[in-house]
PDB file of N, CA and C in Angstrom:
ATOM      1  N   MET A   1      89.667 110.755 110.129  1.00  0.00           N
ATOM      2  CA  MET A   1      89.599 111.301 108.791  1.00  0.00           C
ATOM      3  C   MET A   1      90.337 110.395 107.811  1.00  0.00           C
ATOM      4  N   GLY A   2      91.593 110.156 108.011  1.00  0.00           N
ATOM      5  CA  GLY A   2      92.399 109.363 107.094  1.00  0.00           C
ATOM      6  C   GLY A   2      92.004 107.904 107.036  1.00  0.00           C
ATOM      7  N   ALA A   3      91.556 107.354 108.179  1.00  0.00           N
ATOM      8  CA  ALA A   3      91.211 105.932 108.212  1.00  0.00           C
ATOM      9  C   ALA A   3      90.019 105.629 107.299  1.00  0.00           C
ATOM     10  N   GLU A   4      89.022 106.507 107.293  1.00  0.00           N
ATOM     11  CA  GLU A   4      87.849 106.298 106.440  1.00  0.00           C
ATOM     12  C   GLU A   4      88.223 106.402 104.960  1.00  0.00           C
ATOM     13  N   LEU A   5      89.052 107.380 104.634  1.00  0.00           N
ATOM     14  CA  LEU A   5      89.495 107.522 103.248  1.00  0.00           C
ATOM     15  C   LEU A   5      90.306 106.309 102.812  1.00  0.00           C
ATOM     16  N   ALA A   6      91.203 105.866 103.681  1.00  0.00           N
ATOM     17  CA  ALA A   6      92.020 104.690 103.365  1.00  0.00           C
ATOM     18  C   ALA A   6      91.143 103.464 103.154  1.00  0.00           C
ATOM     19  N   ALA A   7      90.127 103.298 103.989  1.00  0.00           N
ATOM     20  CA  ALA A   7      89.222 102.144 103.861  1.00  0.00           C
ATOM     21  C   ALA A   7      88.487 102.181 102.523  1.00  0.00           C
ATOM     22  N   THR A   8      88.031 103.359 102.122  1.00  0.00           N
ATOM     23  CA  THR A   8      87.338 103.504 100.837  1.00  0.00           C
ATOM     24  C   THR A   8      88.264 103.180  99.672  1.00  0.00           C
ATOM     25  N   VAL A   9      89.469 103.706  99.713  1.00  0.00           N
ATOM     26  CA  VAL A   9      90.443 103.437  98.655  1.00  0.00           C
ATOM     27  C   VAL A   9      90.772 101.950  98.611  1.00  0.00           C
ATOM     28  N   PHE A  10      90.931 101.329  99.769  1.00  0.00           N
ATOM     29  CA  PHE A  10      91.273  99.903  99.794  1.00  0.00           C
ATOM     30  C   PHE A  10      90.143  99.049  99.234  1.00  0.00           C
ATOM     31  N   ARG A  11      88.896  99.398  99.537  1.00  0.00           N
ATOM     32  CA  ARG A  11      87.757  98.645  98.982  1.00  0.00           C
ATOM     33  C   ARG A  11      87.759  98.708  97.456  1.00  0.00           C
ATOM     34  N   ARG A  12      88.030  99.873  96.912  1.00  0.00           N
ATOM     35  CA  ARG A  12      88.088 100.009  95.446  1.00  0.00           C
ATOM     36  C   ARG A  12      89.266  99.229  94.873  1.00  0.00           C
ATOM     37  N   PHE A  13      90.383  99.275  95.562  1.00  0.00           N
ATOM     38  CA  PHE A  13      91.589  98.544  95.165  1.00  0.00           C
ATOM     39  C   PHE A  13      91.282  97.044  95.062  1.00  0.00           C
ATOM     40  N   VAL A  14      90.625  96.505  96.064  1.00  0.00           N
ATOM     41  CA  VAL A  14      90.266  95.081  96.086  1.00  0.00           C
ATOM     42  C   VAL A  14      89.222  94.778  95.011  1.00  0.00           C
ATOM     43  N   ALA A  15      88.239  95.645  94.862  1.00  0.00           N
ATOM     44  CA  ALA A  15      87.179  95.423  93.868  1.00  0.00           C
ATOM     45  C   ALA A  15      87.744  95.375  92.448  1.00  0.00           C
ATOM     46  N   GLU A  16      88.800  96.104  92.206  1.00  0.00           N
ATOM     47  CA  GLU A  16      89.433  96.117  90.878  1.00  0.00           C
ATOM     48  C   GLU A  16      90.420  94.955  90.700  1.00  0.00           C
ATOM     49  N   ARG A  17      90.490  94.083  91.707  1.00  0.00           N
ATOM     50  CA  ARG A  17      91.304  92.860  91.673  1.00  0.00           C
ATOM     51  C   ARG A  17      92.803  93.110  91.619  1.00  0.00           C
ATOM     52  N   PHE A  18      93.236  94.143  92.331  1.00  0.00           N
ATOM     53  CA  PHE A  18      94.666  94.347  92.480  1.00  0.00           C
ATOM     54  C   PHE A  18      95.152  93.591  93.694  1.00  0.00           C
ATOM     55  N   GLU A  19      96.412  93.238  93.676  1.00  0.00           N
ATOM     56  CA  GLU A  19      97.003  92.412  94.727  1.00  0.00           C
ATOM     57  C   GLU A  19      97.830  93.226  95.712  1.00  0.00           C
ATOM     58  N   ALA A  20      98.552  94.223  95.212  1.00  0.00           N
ATOM     59  CA  ALA A  20      99.444  95.003  96.066  1.00  0.00           C
ATOM     60  C   ALA A  20      99.681  96.375  95.435  1.00  0.00           C
ATOM     61  N   PHE A  21     100.239  97.271  96.241  1.00  0.00           N
ATOM     62  CA  PHE A  21     100.609  98.597  95.759  1.00  0.00           C
ATOM     63  C   PHE A  21     101.920  98.991  96.411  1.00  0.00           C
ATOM     64  N   ARG A  22     102.653  99.844  95.756  1.00  0.00           N
ATOM     65  CA  ARG A  22     103.967 100.243  96.268  1.00  0.00           C
ATOM     66  C   ARG A  22     103.984 101.649  96.848  1.00  0.00           C
ATOM     67  N   THR A  23     103.096 102.525  96.360  1.00  0.00           N
ATOM     68  CA  THR A  23     103.134 103.934  96.765  1.00  0.00           C
ATOM     69  C   THR A  23     101.788 104.381  97.306  1.00  0.00           C
ATOM     70  N   VAL A  24     101.841 105.167  98.385  1.00  0.00           N
ATOM     71  CA  VAL A  24     100.661 105.801  98.963  1.00  0.00           C
ATOM     72  C   VAL A  24     100.869 107.309  98.828  1.00  0.00           C
ATOM     73  N   THR A  25      99.861 108.007  98.313  1.00  0.00           N
ATOM     74  CA  THR A  25      99.944 109.455  98.132  1.00  0.00           C
ATOM     75  C   THR A  25      98.743 110.115  98.789  1.00  0.00           C
ATOM     76  N   ILE A  26      99.004 111.208  99.489  1.00  0.00           N
ATOM     77  CA  ILE A  26      97.914 112.019 100.026  1.00  0.00           C
ATOM     78  C   ILE A  26      97.997 113.397  99.384  1.00  0.00           C
ATOM     79  N   THR A  27      96.851 114.025  99.240  1.00  0.00           N
ATOM     80  CA  THR A  27      96.760 115.398  98.761  1.00  0.00           C
ATOM     81  C   THR A  27      95.989 116.174  99.810  1.00  0.00           C
ATOM     82  N   VAL A  28      96.548 117.303 100.214  1.00  0.00           N
ATOM     83  CA  VAL A  28      95.912 118.155 101.220  1.00  0.00           C
ATOM     84  C   VAL A  28      95.703 119.530 100.598  1.00  0.00           C
ATOM     85  N   ARG A  29      94.456 119.990 100.581  1.00  0.00           N
ATOM     86  CA  ARG A  29      94.142 121.296 100.014  1.00  0.00           C
ATOM     87  C   ARG A  29      93.791 122.266 101.141  1.00  0.00           C
ATOM     88  N   PHE A  30      94.482 123.378 101.125  1.00  0.00           N
ATOM     89  CA  PHE A  30      94.174 124.493 102.011  1.00  0.00           C
ATOM     90  C   PHE A  30      93.400 125.519 101.191  1.00  0.00           C
ATOM     91  N   SER A  31      93.074 126.672 101.755  1.00  0.00           N
ATOM     92  CA  SER A  31      92.281 127.667 101.026  1.00  0.00           C
ATOM     93  C   SER A  31      93.007 128.215  99.807  1.00  0.00           C
ATOM     94  N   GLY A  32      94.323 128.336  99.847  1.00  0.00           N
ATOM     95  CA  GLY A  32      95.012 128.938  98.732  1.00  0.00           C
ATOM     96  C   GLY A  32      95.990 128.056  97.988  1.00  0.00           C
ATOM     97  N   PHE A  33      96.213 126.855  98.465  1.00  0.00           N
ATOM     98  CA  PHE A  33      97.198 125.990  97.817  1.00  0.00           C
ATOM     99  C   PHE A  33      96.942 124.526  98.161  1.00  0.00           C
ATOM    100  N   THR A  34      97.573 123.656  97.375  1.00  0.00           N
ATOM    101  CA  THR A  34      97.437 122.209  97.541  1.00  0.00           C
ATOM    102  C   THR A  34      98.822 121.594  97.655  1.00  0.00           C
ATOM    103  N   VAL A  35      98.962 120.632  98.559  1.00  0.00           N
ATOM    104  CA  VAL A  35     100.230 119.951  98.792  1.00  0.00           C
ATOM    105  C   VAL A  35     100.000 118.447  98.688  1.00  0.00           C
ATOM    106  N   SER A  36     100.932 117.751  98.049  1.00  0.00           N
ATOM    107  CA  SER A  36     100.872 116.286  97.982  1.00  0.00           C
ATOM    108  C   SER A  36     102.130 115.715  98.618  1.00  0.00           C
ATOM    109  N   ARG A  37     101.967 114.586  99.269  1.00  0.00           N
ATOM    110  CA  ARG A  37     103.092 113.850  99.843  1.00  0.00           C
ATOM    111  C   ARG A  37     102.885 112.378  99.532  1.00  0.00           C
ATOM    112  N   SER A  38     103.971 111.686  99.258  1.00  0.00           N
ATOM    113  CA  SER A  38     103.839 110.259  98.969  1.00  0.00           C
ATOM    114  C   SER A  38     104.991 109.498  99.606  1.00  0.00           C
ATOM    115  N   ARG A  39     104.767 108.215  99.722  1.00  0.00           N
ATOM    116  CA  ARG A  39     105.774 107.316 100.274  1.00  0.00           C
ATOM    117  C   ARG A  39     105.706 106.005  99.503  1.00  0.00           C
ATOM    118  N   THR A  40     106.871 105.543  99.054  1.00  0.00           N
ATOM    119  CA  THR A  40     106.971 104.266  98.362  1.00  0.00           C
ATOM    120  C   THR A  40     107.677 103.287  99.280  1.00  0.00           C
ATOM    121  N   GLY A  41     107.052 102.146  99.503  1.00  0.00           N
ATOM    122  CA  GLY A  41     107.628 101.144 100.381  1.00  0.00           C
ATOM    123  C   GLY A  41     108.674 100.295  99.672  1.00  0.00           C
ATOM    124  N   LYS A  42     109.595  99.765 100.446  1.00  0.00           N
ATOM    125  CA  LYS A  42     110.600  98.856  99.884  1.00  0.00           C
ATOM    126  C   LYS A  42     109.936  97.569  99.408  1.00  0.00           C
ATOM    127  N   ALA A  43     108.955  97.128 100.175  1.00  0.00           N
ATOM    128  CA  ALA A  43     108.177  95.936  99.802  1.00  0.00           C
ATOM    129  C   ALA A  43     106.750  96.394  99.485  1.00  0.00           C
ATOM    130  N   PRO A  44     106.069  95.695  98.607  1.00  0.00           N
ATOM    131  CA  PRO A  44     104.682  96.068  98.283  1.00  0.00           C
ATOM    132  C   PRO A  44     103.768  95.982  99.504  1.00  0.00           C
ATOM    133  N   PHE A  45     102.791  96.861  99.554  1.00  0.00           N
ATOM    134  CA  PHE A  45     101.768  96.848 100.598  1.00  0.00           C
ATOM    135  C   PHE A  45     100.600  95.994 100.102  1.00  0.00           C
ATOM    136  N   THR A  46      99.998  95.223 101.003  1.00  0.00           N
ATOM    137  CA  THR A  46      98.895  94.357 100.596  1.00  0.00           C
ATOM    138  C   THR A  46      97.652  94.496 101.464  1.00  0.00           C
ATOM    139  N   GLY A  47      97.737  95.182 102.598  1.00  0.00           N
ATOM    140  CA  GLY A  47      96.621  95.207 103.522  1.00  0.00           C
ATOM    141  C   GLY A  47      96.068  96.585 103.812  1.00  0.00           C
ATOM    142  N   GLU A  48      94.812  96.605 104.233  1.00  0.00           N
ATOM    143  CA  GLU A  48      94.144  97.859 104.576  1.00  0.00           C
ATOM    144  C   GLU A  48      94.818  98.525 105.768  1.00  0.00           C
ATOM    145  N   GLU A  49      95.232  97.752 106.740  1.00  0.00           N
ATOM    146  CA  GLU A  49      95.893  98.317 107.922  1.00  0.00           C
ATOM    147  C   GLU A  49      97.208  99.005 107.538  1.00  0.00           C
ATOM    148  N   GLN A  50      97.943  98.411 106.613  1.00  0.00           N
ATOM    149  CA  GLN A  50      99.178  99.036 106.133  1.00  0.00           C
ATOM    150  C   GLN A  50      98.876 100.378 105.467  1.00  0.00           C
ATOM    151  N   LEU A  51      97.830 100.405 104.660  1.00  0.00           N
ATOM    152  CA  LEU A  51      97.431 101.636 103.994  1.00  0.00           C
ATOM    153  C   LEU A  51      97.035 102.691 105.025  1.00  0.00           C
ATOM    154  N   GLN A  52      96.253 102.301 106.012  1.00  0.00           N
ATOM    155  CA  GLN A  52      95.842 103.249 107.045  1.00  0.00           C
ATOM    156  C   GLN A  52      97.041 103.802 107.810  1.00  0.00           C
ATOM    157  N   ASP A  53      98.004 102.962 108.118  1.00  0.00           N
ATOM    158  CA  ASP A  53      99.211 103.420 108.822  1.00  0.00           C
ATOM    159  C   ASP A  53      99.988 104.433 107.989  1.00  0.00           C
ATOM    160  N   GLU A  54     100.144 104.151 106.704  1.00  0.00           N
ATOM    161  CA  GLU A  54     100.880 105.071 105.826  1.00  0.00           C
ATOM    162  C   GLU A  54     100.152 106.403 105.695  1.00  0.00           C
ATOM    163  N   VAL A  55      98.841 106.360 105.527  1.00  0.00           N
ATOM    164  CA  VAL A  55      98.053 107.586 105.414  1.00  0.00           C
ATOM    165  C   VAL A  55      98.174 108.400 106.697  1.00  0.00           C
ATOM    166  N   ARG A  56      98.075 107.753 107.837  1.00  0.00           N
ATOM    167  CA  ARG A  56      98.190 108.463 109.117  1.00  0.00           C
ATOM    168  C   ARG A  56      99.544 109.146 109.235  1.00  0.00           C
ATOM    169  N   GLN A  57     100.603 108.432 108.897  1.00  0.00           N
ATOM    170  CA  GLN A  57     101.945 109.005 108.996  1.00  0.00           C
ATOM    171  C   GLN A  57     102.141 110.179 108.039  1.00  0.00           C
ATOM    172  N   LEU A  58     101.552 110.095 106.856  1.00  0.00           N
ATOM    173  CA  LEU A  58     101.664 111.188 105.896  1.00  0.00           C
ATOM    174  C   LEU A  58     100.809 112.396 106.292  1.00  0.00           C
ATOM    175  N   LEU A  59      99.664 112.160 106.930  1.00  0.00           N
ATOM    176  CA  LEU A  59      98.757 113.249 107.297  1.00  0.00           C
ATOM    177  C   LEU A  59      99.136 113.974 108.584  1.00  0.00           C
ATOM    178  N   GLU A  60      99.661 113.260 109.563  1.00  0.00           N
ATOM    179  CA  GLU A  60      99.927 113.855 110.873  1.00  0.00           C
ATOM    180  C   GLU A  60     100.657 115.193 110.819  1.00  0.00           C
ATOM    181  N   PRO A  61     101.711 115.351 110.015  1.00  0.00           N
ATOM    182  CA  PRO A  61     102.422 116.636 110.008  1.00  0.00           C
ATOM    183  C   PRO A  61     101.568 117.835 109.589  1.00  0.00           C
ATOM    184  N   PHE A  62     100.467 117.619 108.884  1.00  0.00           N
ATOM    185  CA  PHE A  62      99.616 118.721 108.444  1.00  0.00           C
ATOM    186  C   PHE A  62      98.745 119.273 109.569  1.00  0.00           C
ATOM    187  N   PHE A  63      98.728 118.590 110.701  1.00  0.00           N
ATOM    188  CA  PHE A  63      97.941 119.051 111.839  1.00  0.00           C
ATOM    189  C   PHE A  63      98.788 119.750 112.894  1.00  0.00           C
ATOM    190  N   ASP A  64     100.060 119.957 112.609  1.00  0.00           N
ATOM    191  CA  ASP A  64     100.916 120.702 113.526  1.00  0.00           C
ATOM    192  C   ASP A  64     101.887 121.572 112.731  1.00  0.00           C
ATOM    193  N   VAL A  65     102.890 122.115 113.381  1.00  0.00           N
ATOM    194  CA  VAL A  65     103.787 123.089 112.750  1.00  0.00           C
ATOM    195  C   VAL A  65     104.729 122.496 111.714  1.00  0.00           C
ATOM    196  N   ARG A  66     104.848 121.192 111.635  1.00  0.00           N
ATOM    197  CA  ARG A  66     105.766 120.611 110.658  1.00  0.00           C
ATOM    198  C   ARG A  66     105.362 120.955 109.230  1.00  0.00           C
ATOM    199  N   GLU A  67     104.107 120.810 108.882  1.00  0.00           N
ATOM    200  CA  GLU A  67     103.631 121.086 107.529  1.00  0.00           C
ATOM    201  C   GLU A  67     102.597 122.207 107.482  1.00  0.00           C
ATOM    202  N   ASN A  68     102.179 122.685 108.640  1.00  0.00           N
ATOM    203  CA  ASN A  68     101.137 123.705 108.703  1.00  0.00           C
ATOM    204  C   ASN A  68     101.471 124.707 109.815  1.00  0.00           C
ATOM    205  N   PRO A  69     102.571 125.447 109.681  1.00  0.00           N
ATOM    206  CA  PRO A  69     103.030 126.319 110.775  1.00  0.00           C
ATOM    207  C   PRO A  69     102.058 127.444 111.131  1.00  0.00           C
ATOM    208  N   LYS A  70     101.222 127.852 110.209  1.00  0.00           N
ATOM    209  CA  LYS A  70     100.278 128.941 110.487  1.00  0.00           C
ATOM    210  C   LYS A  70      98.900 128.432 110.908  1.00  0.00           C
ATOM    211  N   GLY A  71      98.757 127.109 111.020  1.00  0.00           N
ATOM    212  CA  GLY A  71      97.494 126.523 111.466  1.00  0.00           C
ATOM    213  C   GLY A  71      96.341 126.751 110.516  1.00  0.00           C
ATOM    214  N   LYS A  72      96.615 126.772 109.217  1.00  0.00           N
ATOM    215  CA  LYS A  72      95.548 126.978 108.231  1.00  0.00           C
ATOM    216  C   LYS A  72      94.577 125.798 108.243  1.00  0.00           C
ATOM    217  N   LYS A  73      93.328 126.097 107.953  1.00  0.00           N
ATOM    218  CA  LYS A  73      92.307 125.055 107.912  1.00  0.00           C
ATOM    219  C   LYS A  73      92.451 124.240 106.648  1.00  0.00           C
ATOM    220  N   ILE A  74      92.273 122.931 106.797  1.00  0.00           N
ATOM    221  CA  ILE A  74      92.332 121.999 105.668  1.00  0.00           C
ATOM    222  C   ILE A  74      90.945 121.923 105.045  1.00  0.00           C
ATOM    223  N   ARG A  75      90.896 122.081 103.716  1.00  0.00           N
ATOM    224  CA  ARG A  75      89.619 122.054 103.004  1.00  0.00           C
ATOM    225  C   ARG A  75      89.313 120.697 102.397  1.00  0.00           C
ATOM    226  N   LEU A  76      90.344 119.940 102.029  1.00  0.00           N
ATOM    227  CA  LEU A  76      90.124 118.673 101.344  1.00  0.00           C
ATOM    228  C   LEU A  76      91.323 117.766 101.585  1.00  0.00           C
ATOM    229  N   VAL A  77      91.058 116.474 101.719  1.00  0.00           N
ATOM    230  CA  VAL A  77      92.120 115.471 101.825  1.00  0.00           C
ATOM    231  C   VAL A  77      91.800 114.370 100.831  1.00  0.00           C
ATOM    232  N   GLY A  78      92.800 113.969 100.060  1.00  0.00           N
ATOM    233  CA  GLY A  78      92.642 112.872  99.112  1.00  0.00           C
ATOM    234  C   GLY A  78      93.682 111.806  99.364  1.00  0.00           C
ATOM    235  N   VAL A  79      93.336 110.575  99.080  1.00  0.00           N
ATOM    236  CA  VAL A  79      94.238 109.428  99.254  1.00  0.00           C
ATOM    237  C   VAL A  79      94.222 108.610  97.977  1.00  0.00           C
ATOM    238  N   ARG A  80      95.402 108.186  97.547  1.00  0.00           N
ATOM    239  CA  ARG A  80      95.455 107.277  96.393  1.00  0.00           C
ATOM    240  C   ARG A  80      96.604 106.299  96.568  1.00  0.00           C
ATOM    241  N   VAL A  81      96.484 105.174  95.893  1.00  0.00           N
ATOM    242  CA  VAL A  81      97.561 104.184  95.845  1.00  0.00           C
ATOM    243  C   VAL A  81      98.063 104.122  94.415  1.00  0.00           C
ATOM    244  N   GLU A  82      99.370 103.883  94.265  1.00  0.00           N
ATOM    245  CA  GLU A  82      99.996 103.872  92.957  1.00  0.00           C
ATOM    246  C   GLU A  82     100.945 102.691  92.865  1.00  0.00           C
ATOM    247  N   LYS A  83     101.468 102.510  91.672  1.00  0.00           N
ATOM    248  CA  LYS A  83     102.368 101.379  91.382  1.00  0.00           C
ATOM    249  C   LYS A  83     101.679 100.079  91.779  1.00  0.00           C
ATOM    250  N   LEU A  84     100.540  99.846  91.170  1.00  0.00           N
ATOM    251  CA  LEU A  84      99.677  98.713  91.491  1.00  0.00           C
ATOM    252  C   LEU A  84     100.188  97.419  90.868  1.00  0.00           C
ATOM    253  N   LEU A  85      99.977  96.345  91.587  1.00  0.00           N
ATOM    254  CA  LEU A  85     100.310  95.009  91.099  1.00  0.00           C
ATOM    255  C   LEU A  85      99.002  94.227  91.002  1.00  0.00           C
ATOM    256  N   ALA A  86      98.698  93.727  89.815  1.00  0.00           N
ATOM    257  CA  ALA A  86      97.444  93.011  89.591  1.00  0.00           C
ATOM    258  C   ALA A  86      97.598  91.532  89.938  1.00  0.00           C
ATOM    259  N   THR A  87      96.472  90.909  90.298  1.00  0.00           N
ATOM    260  CA  THR A  87      96.467  89.471  90.525  1.00  0.00           C
ATOM    261  C   THR A  87      96.606  88.770  89.186  1.00  0.00           C
ATOM    262  N   ARG A  88      97.160  87.617  89.208  1.00  0.00           N
ATOM    263  CA  ARG A  88      97.375  86.877  87.953  1.00  0.00           C
ATOM    264  C   ARG A  88      96.403  85.755  87.804  1.00  0.00           C
TER     265      ARG A  88
END
């Protein structure tokens, strides 16, 4: 799930001629509420694999009791990158 979303976001990131990003944010929507989590790296991220790793780490807790103790079904997942650095 997350890997495909990350790949799509990364393709758009590259197409817009950005060089790096500092923050990865996921949004998870359940039936009655929406939760967002983000992580900002100490160093800028530049690769699709890095993005996929960050998305996986942010999403994993929503599939167990850490972020989803009642086992609610997830309706939507969103991925975005922020704090973009453009190529010069």
